[in-house]
Amino acid sequence: MTLAQGIGLGLGVEGPVISPTFVLARRHAGVDGRPGLVHVDAYRLGSAAELVDLDLDETMDRAVTLIEWGAGIAEDLGGSHLDIDIRRSGDPVDETRVVYLEGFGPRWQDVDLSPLSEFPLGTTPDETGDNI
């Protein structure tokens, strides 16, 4: 399961969450008053202006907007955002990914993300030697 699919599952959006690689953005409706999901692949975009052209601001107040490959072009899109950086471990044979979280803007000002950041995917804090 991908991160986007997991977020879609958690939100309970309609339909399968698949990659928007060739369409740039896919919108998934929320159900029962829950937020929807807007999934964007910004890899082929050349500038923030191209991202703005997708009119994402129309849905930002009622949907979670997930932008893959958005570094350098998505930072100013909304007033607040959560940056999720997923990196491979230093070992080229190891498939472990490490997740780093950083919140920006008023929404994240008083949120402590440190217990959720820098843990290898698929582990719990106790398994890494840290306890929350």
Protein backbone atom coordinates (compact mmCIF):
# COMPACT_ATOMS: atom_id res chain seq x y z
CA MET A 1 0.00 0.00 0.00
CA THR A 2 1.31 3.46 -0.88
CA LEU A 3 1.17 6.49 1.40
CA ALA A 4 -1.56 8.04 -0.77
CA GLN A 5 -3.61 4.84 -0.63
CA GLY A 6 -3.24 4.72 3.15
CA ILE A 7 -4.39 8.33 3.48
CA GLY A 8 -7.32 7.62 1.15
CA LEU A 9 -8.24 4.56 3.21
CA GLY A 10 -8.06 6.57 6.42
CA LEU A 11 -10.26 9.28 4.94
CA GLY A 12 -12.68 6.72 3.53
CA VAL A 13 -12.72 8.30 0.06
CA GLU A 14 -14.70 6.86 -2.83
CA GLY A 15 -12.98 4.55 -5.30
CA PRO A 16 -9.42 3.29 -5.54
CA VAL A 17 -6.53 5.71 -5.03
CA ILE A 18 -4.18 5.28 -7.99
CA SER A 19 -1.22 7.31 -9.17
CA PRO A 20 -1.99 10.56 -11.00
CA THR A 21 1.23 10.31 -13.01
CA PHE A 22 -0.30 10.90 -16.43
CA VAL A 23 -3.14 13.23 -15.41
CA LEU A 24 -1.20 15.30 -12.83
CA ALA A 25 -4.10 15.35 -10.32
CA ARG A 26 -6.87 13.00 -9.24
CA ARG A 27 -9.75 14.07 -7.04
CA HIS A 28 -11.38 11.51 -4.75
CA ALA A 29 -14.69 12.50 -3.17
CA GLY A 30 -15.16 12.26 0.56
CA VAL A 31 -18.16 10.39 1.94
CA ASP A 32 -20.49 11.10 4.86
CA GLY A 33 -19.21 14.65 5.30
CA ARG A 34 -15.58 13.56 5.51
CA PRO A 35 -12.87 15.38 3.56
CA GLY A 36 -11.94 14.16 0.12
CA LEU A 37 -8.44 13.58 -1.23
CA VAL A 38 -6.73 15.48 -4.02
CA HIS A 39 -3.65 13.53 -5.12
CA VAL A 40 -1.16 15.46 -7.27
CA ASP A 41 2.01 14.27 -9.01
CA ALA A 42 4.09 17.41 -9.51
CA TYR A 43 7.11 15.60 -10.98
CA ARG A 44 6.53 16.91 -14.52
CA LEU A 45 5.62 20.44 -13.46
CA GLY A 46 8.23 23.08 -14.09
CA SER A 47 7.07 25.83 -11.75
CA ALA A 48 4.72 26.88 -8.98
CA ALA A 49 2.64 28.69 -11.63
CA GLU A 50 1.88 25.35 -13.31
CA LEU A 51 0.76 23.97 -9.96
CA VAL A 52 -1.47 27.01 -9.39
CA ASP A 53 -3.03 26.37 -12.83
CA LEU A 54 -4.45 23.10 -11.44
CA ASP A 55 -6.86 25.22 -9.29
CA LEU A 56 -6.11 23.25 -6.14
CA ASP A 57 -7.17 26.19 -3.99
CA GLU A 58 -10.79 25.43 -4.92
CA THR A 59 -10.73 22.23 -2.84
CA MET A 60 -8.14 22.95 -0.14
CA ASP A 61 -10.75 23.82 2.49
CA ARG A 62 -12.67 20.54 2.08
CA ALA A 63 -10.04 18.01 1.00
CA VAL A 64 -6.63 16.73 2.00
CA THR A 65 -4.25 17.72 -0.78
CA LEU A 66 -1.31 15.34 -1.21
CA ILE A 67 1.39 16.60 -3.57
CA GLU A 68 4.14 14.17 -4.56
CA TRP A 69 7.41 15.65 -5.82
CA GLY A 70 6.27 19.11 -4.69
CA ALA A 71 9.53 20.35 -3.17
CA GLY A 72 10.41 23.76 -4.53
CA ILE A 73 7.01 24.44 -6.10
CA ALA A 74 4.28 23.61 -3.56
CA GLU A 75 5.45 25.40 -0.41
CA ASP A 76 3.42 28.57 -0.99
CA LEU A 77 0.24 26.87 -2.18
CA GLY A 78 -1.64 27.01 1.12
CA GLY A 79 -1.33 28.86 4.40
CA SER A 80 -0.31 25.71 6.28
CA HIS A 81 1.13 22.43 5.14
CA LEU A 82 2.79 19.29 6.44
CA ASP A 83 5.99 18.28 4.68
CA ILE A 84 6.46 14.50 4.62
CA ASP A 85 9.93 13.47 3.50
CA ILE A 86 10.44 9.74 2.95
CA ARG A 87 14.05 8.65 2.50
CA ARG A 88 15.81 5.35 2.03
CA SER A 89 18.24 4.27 4.69
CA GLY A 90 21.93 4.67 3.86
CA ASP A 91 22.31 0.97 3.01
CA PRO A 92 21.65 0.34 -0.73
CA VAL A 93 20.47 -3.22 0.00
CA ASP A 94 18.12 -2.21 2.82
CA GLU A 95 14.57 -1.34 1.71
CA THR A 96 13.78 0.50 4.96
CA ARG A 97 12.38 4.00 4.57
CA VAL A 98 12.64 6.72 7.20
CA VAL A 99 9.88 9.33 7.50
CA TYR A 100 10.58 12.95 8.46
CA LEU A 101 7.69 15.30 9.24
CA GLU A 102 7.77 19.08 9.46
CA GLY A 103 4.75 21.34 9.82
CA PHE A 104 4.53 24.87 8.43
CA GLY A 105 2.04 27.65 9.09
CA PRO A 106 -0.50 28.35 11.82
CA ARG A 107 -2.19 24.94 11.65
CA TRP A 108 1.01 23.19 12.71
CA GLN A 109 2.46 25.86 15.01
CA ASP A 110 1.70 24.06 18.29
CA VAL A 111 1.78 20.47 17.02
CA ASP A 112 4.68 18.33 18.24
CA LEU A 113 5.54 16.01 15.36
CA SER A 114 8.73 14.66 16.91
CA PRO A 115 7.14 11.42 18.18
CA LEU A 116 6.07 10.62 14.60
CA SER A 117 9.22 11.62 12.77
CA GLU A 118 12.42 9.76 12.02
CA PHE A 119 11.09 6.23 12.57
CA PRO A 120 11.66 3.58 9.94
CA LEU A 121 8.40 2.63 8.23
CA GLY A 122 6.99 -0.60 9.59
CA THR A 123 8.44 -0.19 13.09
CA THR A 124 7.11 1.11 16.37
CA PRO A 125 8.96 3.55 18.64
CA ASP A 126 9.81 0.70 21.04
CA GLU A 127 11.50 -1.24 18.22
CA THR A 128 13.77 1.71 17.42
CA GLY A 129 14.89 2.10 21.02
CA ASP A 130 12.87 5.27 21.56
CA ASN A 131 9.74 5.51 23.63
CA ILE A 132 6.99 8.03 23.19
